[in-house]
PDB file of N, CA and C in Angstrom:
ATOM      1  N   UNK A   1     -14.072  -6.604 -13.446  1.00  0.00           N
ATOM      2  CA  UNK A   1     -12.498  -6.572 -13.540  1.00  0.00           C
ATOM      3  C   UNK A   1     -13.053  -4.152 -13.889  1.00  0.00           C
ATOM      4  N   UNK A   2     -12.497  -3.692 -13.488  1.00  0.00           N
ATOM      5  CA  UNK A   2     -12.786  -2.563 -14.135  1.00  0.00           C
ATOM      6  C   UNK A   2     -10.961  -1.618 -14.487  1.00  0.00           C
ATOM      7  N   UNK A   3     -11.556  -0.435 -15.372  1.00  0.00           N
ATOM      8  CA  UNK A   3     -10.257  -0.394 -15.890  1.00  0.00           C
ATOM      9  C   UNK A   3     -10.339   0.945 -16.410  1.00  0.00           C
ATOM     10  N   UNK A   4     -10.041   2.212 -15.659  1.00  0.00           N
ATOM     11  CA  UNK A   4     -10.057   3.379 -15.958  1.00  0.00           C
ATOM     12  C   UNK A   4      -8.526   4.194 -15.932  1.00  0.00           C
ATOM     13  N   UNK A   5      -9.009   5.199 -16.754  1.00  0.00           N
ATOM     14  CA  UNK A   5      -7.580   6.442 -17.007  1.00  0.00           C
ATOM     15  C   UNK A   5      -7.653   7.614 -16.633  1.00  0.00           C
ATOM     16  N   UNK A   6      -7.359   7.995 -15.351  1.00  0.00           N
ATOM     17  CA  UNK A   6      -7.367   9.661 -14.814  1.00  0.00           C
ATOM     18  C   UNK A   6      -6.263  10.435 -14.936  1.00  0.00           C
ATOM     19  N   UNK A   7      -6.336  11.398 -14.638  1.00  0.00           N
ATOM     20  CA  UNK A   7      -5.175  11.741 -14.846  1.00  0.00           C
ATOM     21  C   UNK A   7      -5.327  12.670 -13.453  1.00  0.00           C
ATOM     22  N   UNK A   8      -3.752  12.709 -12.668  1.00  0.00           N
ATOM     23  CA  UNK A   8      -3.564  13.445 -11.336  1.00  0.00           C
ATOM     24  C   UNK A   8      -2.882  14.649 -11.746  1.00  0.00           C
ATOM     25  N   UNK A   9      -2.364  14.960 -10.350  1.00  0.00           N
ATOM     26  CA  UNK A   9      -1.916  16.655 -10.524  1.00  0.00           C
ATOM     27  C   UNK A   9      -1.110  15.975  -9.978  1.00  0.00           C
ATOM     28  N   UNK A  10       0.813  16.849  -9.463  1.00  0.00           N
ATOM     29  CA  UNK A  10       1.453  16.255  -8.389  1.00  0.00           C
ATOM     30  C   UNK A  10       2.755  15.445  -9.065  1.00  0.00           C
ATOM     31  N   UNK A  11       2.595  14.735 -10.609  1.00  0.00           N
ATOM     32  CA  UNK A  11       3.851  13.886 -10.791  1.00  0.00           C
ATOM     33  C   UNK A  11       4.601  15.218 -12.556  1.00  0.00           C
ATOM     34  N   UNK A  12       5.458  15.419 -11.271  1.00  0.00           N
ATOM     35  CA  UNK A  12       6.739  15.688 -12.194  1.00  0.00           C
ATOM     36  C   UNK A  12       7.674  15.607 -12.273  1.00  0.00           C
ATOM     37  N   UNK A  13       8.663  14.209 -11.575  1.00  0.00           N
ATOM     38  CA  UNK A  13       9.825  13.395 -12.133  1.00  0.00           C
ATOM     39  C   UNK A  13       9.731  12.368 -12.457  1.00  0.00           C
ATOM     40  N   UNK A  14      10.006  10.941 -12.146  1.00  0.00           N
ATOM     41  CA  UNK A  14      10.394   9.608 -12.059  1.00  0.00           C
ATOM     42  C   UNK A  14      10.184   9.706 -10.393  1.00  0.00           C
ATOM     43  N   UNK A  15      10.356  10.105 -10.144  1.00  0.00           N
ATOM     44  CA  UNK A  15      10.294  10.101  -8.440  1.00  0.00           C
ATOM     45  C   UNK A  15       9.184  10.259  -7.660  1.00  0.00           C
ATOM     46  N   UNK A  16       8.372  10.846  -8.463  1.00  0.00           N
ATOM     47  CA  UNK A  16       6.879  11.323  -8.363  1.00  0.00           C
ATOM     48  C   UNK A  16       6.134   9.939  -8.580  1.00  0.00           C
ATOM     49  N   UNK A  17       6.600   9.622  -9.869  1.00  0.00           N
ATOM     50  CA  UNK A  17       5.380   7.919 -10.326  1.00  0.00           C
ATOM     51  C   UNK A  17       5.945   7.026  -9.292  1.00  0.00           C
ATOM     52  N   UNK A  18       7.355   7.011  -8.659  1.00  0.00           N
ATOM     53  CA  UNK A  18       7.880   5.833  -7.917  1.00  0.00           C
ATOM     54  C   UNK A  18       6.735   5.770  -6.210  1.00  0.00           C
ATOM     55  N   UNK A  19       6.659   7.264  -5.738  1.00  0.00           N
ATOM     56  CA  UNK A  19       5.886   7.646  -5.006  1.00  0.00           C
ATOM     57  C   UNK A  19       4.650   7.369  -5.198  1.00  0.00           C
ATOM     58  N   UNK A  20       4.222   7.548  -6.221  1.00  0.00           N
ATOM     59  CA  UNK A  20       3.383   6.936  -6.781  1.00  0.00           C
ATOM     60  C   UNK A  20       2.222   5.509  -6.624  1.00  0.00           C
ATOM     61  N   UNK A  21       3.560   4.748  -7.247  1.00  0.00           N
ATOM     62  CA  UNK A  21       3.220   3.543  -7.065  1.00  0.00           C
ATOM     63  C   UNK A  21       4.118   2.307  -5.742  1.00  0.00           C
ATOM     64  N   UNK A  22       4.173   3.688  -4.857  1.00  0.00           N
ATOM     65  CA  UNK A  22       4.178   3.531  -3.310  1.00  0.00           C
ATOM     66  C   UNK A  22       2.983   2.753  -2.975  1.00  0.00           C
ATOM     67  N   UNK A  23       2.718   3.909  -3.201  1.00  0.00           N
ATOM     68  CA  UNK A  23       0.780   4.448  -2.143  1.00  0.00           C
ATOM     69  C   UNK A  23      -0.337   3.324  -2.579  1.00  0.00           C
ATOM     70  N   UNK A  24      -0.066   3.409  -4.084  1.00  0.00           N
ATOM     71  CA  UNK A  24      -1.118   1.897  -3.991  1.00  0.00           C
ATOM     72  C   UNK A  24      -0.575   0.164  -4.758  1.00  0.00           C
ATOM     73  N   UNK A  25       0.735   0.314  -3.946  1.00  0.00           N
ATOM     74  CA  UNK A  25       1.552  -0.620  -3.823  1.00  0.00           C
ATOM     75  C   UNK A  25       1.319  -2.474  -3.168  1.00  0.00           C
ATOM     76  N   UNK A  26       0.576  -3.127  -3.339  1.00  0.00           N
ATOM     77  CA  UNK A  26       0.209  -3.791  -2.610  1.00  0.00           C
ATOM     78  C   UNK A  26      -1.024  -3.773  -2.041  1.00  0.00           C
ATOM     79  N   UNK A  27      -1.656  -2.784  -2.121  1.00  0.00           N
ATOM     80  CA  UNK A  27      -3.495  -2.578  -2.626  1.00  0.00           C
ATOM     81  C   UNK A  27      -4.571  -3.505  -2.693  1.00  0.00           C
ATOM     82  N   UNK A  28      -5.095  -3.993  -1.537  1.00  0.00           N
ATOM     83  CA  UNK A  28      -6.429  -5.491  -2.237  1.00  0.00           C
ATOM     84  C   UNK A  28      -6.911  -4.991  -3.557  1.00  0.00           C
ATOM     85  N   UNK A  29      -7.594  -5.492  -4.055  1.00  0.00           N
ATOM     86  CA  UNK A  29      -8.152  -5.719  -5.449  1.00  0.00           C
ATOM     87  C   UNK A  29      -7.160  -4.760  -6.693  1.00  0.00           C
ATOM     88  N   UNK A  30      -5.811  -4.192  -6.632  1.00  0.00           N
ATOM     89  CA  UNK A  30      -5.489  -3.873  -7.776  1.00  0.00           C
ATOM     90  C   UNK A  30      -4.845  -4.500  -8.758  1.00  0.00           C
ATOM     91  N   UNK A  31      -5.164  -5.065  -9.748  1.00  0.00           N
ATOM     92  CA  UNK A  31      -4.837  -5.861 -10.201  1.00  0.00           C
ATOM     93  C   UNK A  31      -3.938  -4.932 -11.319  1.00  0.00           C
ATOM     94  N   UNK A  32      -3.409  -3.786 -11.773  1.00  0.00           N
ATOM     95  CA  UNK A  32      -3.108  -3.257 -12.622  1.00  0.00           C
ATOM     96  C   UNK A  32      -2.396  -1.557 -11.914  1.00  0.00           C
ATOM     97  N   UNK A  33      -1.537  -1.073 -12.224  1.00  0.00           N
ATOM     98  CA  UNK A  33      -1.224   0.572 -12.104  1.00  0.00           C
ATOM     99  C   UNK A  33       0.142   0.486 -12.982  1.00  0.00           C
ATOM    100  N   UNK A  34      -0.777   2.260 -13.851  1.00  0.00           N
ATOM    101  CA  UNK A  34       0.596   2.159 -14.556  1.00  0.00           C
ATOM    102  C   UNK A  34       0.565   3.954 -14.817  1.00  0.00           C
ATOM    103  N   UNK A  35       1.918   4.915 -14.346  1.00  0.00           N
ATOM    104  CA  UNK A  35       1.791   6.513 -14.257  1.00  0.00           C
ATOM    105  C   UNK A  35       2.296   6.582 -15.470  1.00  0.00           C
ATOM    106  N   UNK A  36       2.331   7.822 -16.003  1.00  0.00           N
ATOM    107  CA  UNK A  36       3.236   8.013 -17.106  1.00  0.00           C
ATOM    108  C   UNK A  36       3.300  10.160 -15.983  1.00  0.00           C
ATOM    109  N   UNK A  37       4.996  11.118 -17.481  1.00  0.00           N
ATOM    110  CA  UNK A  37       5.253  11.885 -15.904  1.00  0.00           C
ATOM    111  C   UNK A  37       3.581  13.513 -17.105  1.00  0.00           C
ATOM    112  N   UNK A  38       2.642  13.039 -17.573  1.00  0.00           N
ATOM    113  CA  UNK A  38       1.547  13.390 -18.161  1.00  0.00           C
ATOM    114  C   UNK A  38       0.680  13.546 -16.843  1.00  0.00           C
ATOM    115  N   UNK A  39       0.531  12.746 -15.838  1.00  0.00           N
ATOM    116  CA  UNK A  39      -0.254  12.645 -15.149  1.00  0.00           C
ATOM    117  C   UNK A  39      -1.492  11.503 -15.185  1.00  0.00           C
ATOM    118  N   UNK A  40      -0.891  11.029 -16.227  1.00  0.00           N
ATOM    119  CA  UNK A  40      -2.257   9.794 -16.803  1.00  0.00           C
ATOM    120  C   UNK A  40      -1.790   8.829 -15.893  1.00  0.00           C
ATOM    121  N   UNK A  41      -2.903   8.156 -15.027  1.00  0.00           N
ATOM    122  CA  UNK A  41      -3.541   6.990 -14.679  1.00  0.00           C
ATOM    123  C   UNK A  41      -3.628   5.962 -14.831  1.00  0.00           C
ATOM    124  N   UNK A  42      -3.622   4.966 -15.439  1.00  0.00           N
ATOM    125  CA  UNK A  42      -4.316   3.664 -15.480  1.00  0.00           C
ATOM    126  C   UNK A  42      -4.743   2.905 -14.737  1.00  0.00           C
ATOM    127  N   UNK A  43      -5.593   3.030 -14.085  1.00  0.00           N
ATOM    128  CA  UNK A  43      -5.389   1.550 -13.017  1.00  0.00           C
ATOM    129  C   UNK A  43      -6.678   0.256 -13.653  1.00  0.00           C
ATOM    130  N   UNK A  44      -6.245  -0.700 -12.921  1.00  0.00           N
ATOM    131  CA  UNK A  44      -7.510  -1.611 -13.339  1.00  0.00           C
ATOM    132  C   UNK A  44      -7.880  -1.919 -11.912  1.00  0.00           C
ATOM    133  N   UNK A  45      -9.074  -2.516 -11.595  1.00  0.00           N
ATOM    134  CA  UNK A  45      -9.353  -3.055 -10.152  1.00  0.00           C
ATOM    135  C   UNK A  45     -10.678  -4.131  -9.978  1.00  0.00           C
ATOM    136  N   UNK A  46     -10.480  -4.872  -9.117  1.00  0.00           N
ATOM    137  CA  UNK A  46     -11.314  -5.810  -8.861  1.00  0.00           C
ATOM    138  C   UNK A  46     -12.514  -5.317  -7.836  1.00  0.00           C
ATOM    139  N   UNK A  47     -14.092  -5.122  -8.745  1.00  0.00           N
ATOM    140  CA  UNK A  47     -14.743  -4.231  -8.268  1.00  0.00           C
ATOM    141  C   UNK A  47     -15.152  -5.307  -6.912  1.00  0.00           C
ATOM    142  N   UNK A  48     -15.488  -6.102  -6.611  1.00  0.00           N
ATOM    143  CA  UNK A  48     -15.624  -6.808  -5.377  1.00  0.00           C
ATOM    144  C   UNK A  48     -14.580  -6.823  -4.560  1.00  0.00           C
ATOM    145  N   UNK A  49     -13.258  -6.017  -4.815  1.00  0.00           N
ATOM    146  CA  UNK A  49     -12.194  -5.813  -3.653  1.00  0.00           C
ATOM    147  C   UNK A  49     -11.728  -4.683  -2.830  1.00  0.00           C
ATOM    148  N   UNK A  50     -12.479  -3.546  -3.772  1.00  0.00           N
ATOM    149  CA  UNK A  50     -12.335  -2.360  -3.999  1.00  0.00           C
ATOM    150  C   UNK A  50     -12.615  -1.526  -4.475  1.00  0.00           C
ATOM    151  N   UNK A  51     -12.714  -0.637  -5.170  1.00  0.00           N
ATOM    152  CA  UNK A  51     -13.548   1.067  -5.575  1.00  0.00           C
ATOM    153  C   UNK A  51     -12.325   1.588  -6.823  1.00  0.00           C
ATOM    154  N   UNK A  52     -12.947   2.605  -7.080  1.00  0.00           N
ATOM    155  CA  UNK A  52     -12.936   3.902  -7.297  1.00  0.00           C
ATOM    156  C   UNK A  52     -11.986   4.298  -6.745  1.00  0.00           C
ATOM    157  N   UNK A  53     -13.396   4.283  -5.433  1.00  0.00           N
ATOM    158  CA  UNK A  53     -13.001   6.066  -4.567  1.00  0.00           C
ATOM    159  C   UNK A  53     -11.855   5.452  -3.841  1.00  0.00           C
ATOM    160  N   UNK A  54     -11.738   4.577  -3.060  1.00  0.00           N
ATOM    161  CA  UNK A  54     -10.741   3.894  -1.985  1.00  0.00           C
ATOM    162  C   UNK A  54      -9.403   4.140  -3.007  1.00  0.00           C
ATOM    163  N   UNK A  55      -9.263   3.435  -4.294  1.00  0.00           N
ATOM    164  CA  UNK A  55      -8.017   4.229  -4.767  1.00  0.00           C
ATOM    165  C   UNK A  55      -7.491   5.324  -4.995  1.00  0.00           C
ATOM    166  N   UNK A  56      -8.526   6.190  -5.710  1.00  0.00           N
ATOM    167  CA  UNK A  56      -7.964   7.242  -5.288  1.00  0.00           C
ATOM    168  C   UNK A  56      -8.336   8.278  -4.378  1.00  0.00           C
ATOM    169  N   UNK A  57      -8.465   7.376  -3.141  1.00  0.00           N
ATOM    170  CA  UNK A  57      -8.402   8.426  -1.324  1.00  0.00           C
ATOM    171  C   UNK A  57      -7.186   7.568  -1.689  1.00  0.00           C
ATOM    172  N   UNK A  58      -6.041   7.329  -1.683  1.00  0.00           N
ATOM    173  CA  UNK A  58      -4.986   6.298  -1.681  1.00  0.00           C
ATOM    174  C   UNK A  58      -4.368   7.095  -2.766  1.00  0.00           C
ATOM    175  N   UNK A  59      -4.007   7.957  -3.789  1.00  0.00           N
ATOM    176  CA  UNK A  59      -3.268   8.805  -4.244  1.00  0.00           C
ATOM    177  C   UNK A  59      -4.041  10.442  -3.071  1.00  0.00           C
ATOM    178  N   UNK A  60      -4.935  10.552  -3.220  1.00  0.00           N
ATOM    179  CA  UNK A  60      -4.753  12.163  -2.855  1.00  0.00           C
ATOM    180  C   UNK A  60      -4.031  11.472  -1.055  1.00  0.00           C
ATOM    181  N   UNK A  61      -4.077  10.419  -0.627  1.00  0.00           N
ATOM    182  CA  UNK A  61      -3.705  10.455   0.756  1.00  0.00           C
ATOM    183  C   UNK A  61      -1.721  10.934   0.396  1.00  0.00           C
ATOM    184  N   UNK A  62      -1.518  10.600  -0.633  1.00  0.00           N
ATOM    185  CA  UNK A  62       0.051  10.251  -1.188  1.00  0.00           C
ATOM    186  C   UNK A  62       0.640  11.711  -1.849  1.00  0.00           C
ATOM    187  N   UNK A  63      -0.302  12.630  -1.662  1.00  0.00           N
ATOM    188  CA  UNK A  63      -0.124  13.764  -2.583  1.00  0.00           C
ATOM    189  C   UNK A  63      -0.523  14.295  -3.747  1.00  0.00           C
ATOM    190  N   UNK A  64      -1.553  13.575  -4.130  1.00  0.00           N
ATOM    191  CA  UNK A  64      -1.626  13.195  -6.324  1.00  0.00           C
ATOM    192  C   UNK A  64      -3.165  13.769  -5.895  1.00  0.00           C
ATOM    193  N   UNK A  65      -3.326  14.462  -6.519  1.00  0.00           N
ATOM    194  CA  UNK A  65      -5.368  14.635  -7.181  1.00  0.00           C
ATOM    195  C   UNK A  65      -5.350  14.553  -8.092  1.00  0.00           C
ATOM    196  N   UNK A  66      -6.846  14.040  -8.154  1.00  0.00           N
ATOM    197  CA  UNK A  66      -7.448  13.910  -9.167  1.00  0.00           C
ATOM    198  C   UNK A  66      -7.929  15.320 -10.210  1.00  0.00           C
ATOM    199  N   UNK A  67      -7.396  15.389 -11.227  1.00  0.00           N
ATOM    200  CA  UNK A  67      -7.812  16.266 -12.597  1.00  0.00           C
ATOM    201  C   UNK A  67      -9.318  16.483 -13.074  1.00  0.00           C
ATOM    202  N   UNK A  68      -9.906  16.955 -13.120  1.00  0.00           N
ATOM    203  CA  UNK A  68     -11.488  16.637 -13.676  1.00  0.00           C
ATOM    204  C   UNK A  68     -11.445  17.402 -14.654  1.00  0.00           C
ATOM    205  N   UNK A  69     -11.631  16.698 -16.455  1.00  0.00           N
ATOM    206  CA  UNK A  69     -11.418  17.197 -17.565  1.00  0.00           C
ATOM    207  C   UNK A  69     -11.382  17.998 -18.227  1.00  0.00           C
ATOM    208  N   UNK A  70     -11.141  19.166 -18.690  1.00  0.00           N
ATOM    209  CA  UNK A  70     -11.513  20.366 -19.624  1.00  0.00           C
ATOM    210  C   UNK A  70     -12.776  20.377 -19.773  1.00  0.00           C
ATOM    211  N   UNK A  71     -13.369  19.695 -20.462  1.00  0.00           N
ATOM    212  CA  UNK A  71     -14.225  19.187 -21.093  1.00  0.00           C
ATOM    213  C   UNK A  71     -15.463  18.866 -20.697  1.00  0.00           C
ATOM    214  N   UNK A  72     -15.370  18.564 -19.356  1.00  0.00           N
ATOM    215  CA  UNK A  72     -16.672  18.438 -18.657  1.00  0.00           C
ATOM    216  C   UNK A  72     -17.393  19.903 -17.825  1.00  0.00           C
TER     217      UNK A  72
END
């Protein structure tokens, strides 16, 4: 099991959070997803069934973009 919190752009309201949930709904291997209005998305997934890249691509397809941390 892998878990990570990433920051994404495009979350401006509760409706956006719902759209993000729909984008990840029933994704094979995704065990947990939680998003807040600050753009933080916590994901937990089974590495044998999916990958971080596949999950981020699903978010991107729904209109959300990963934001790189400012300190990197």
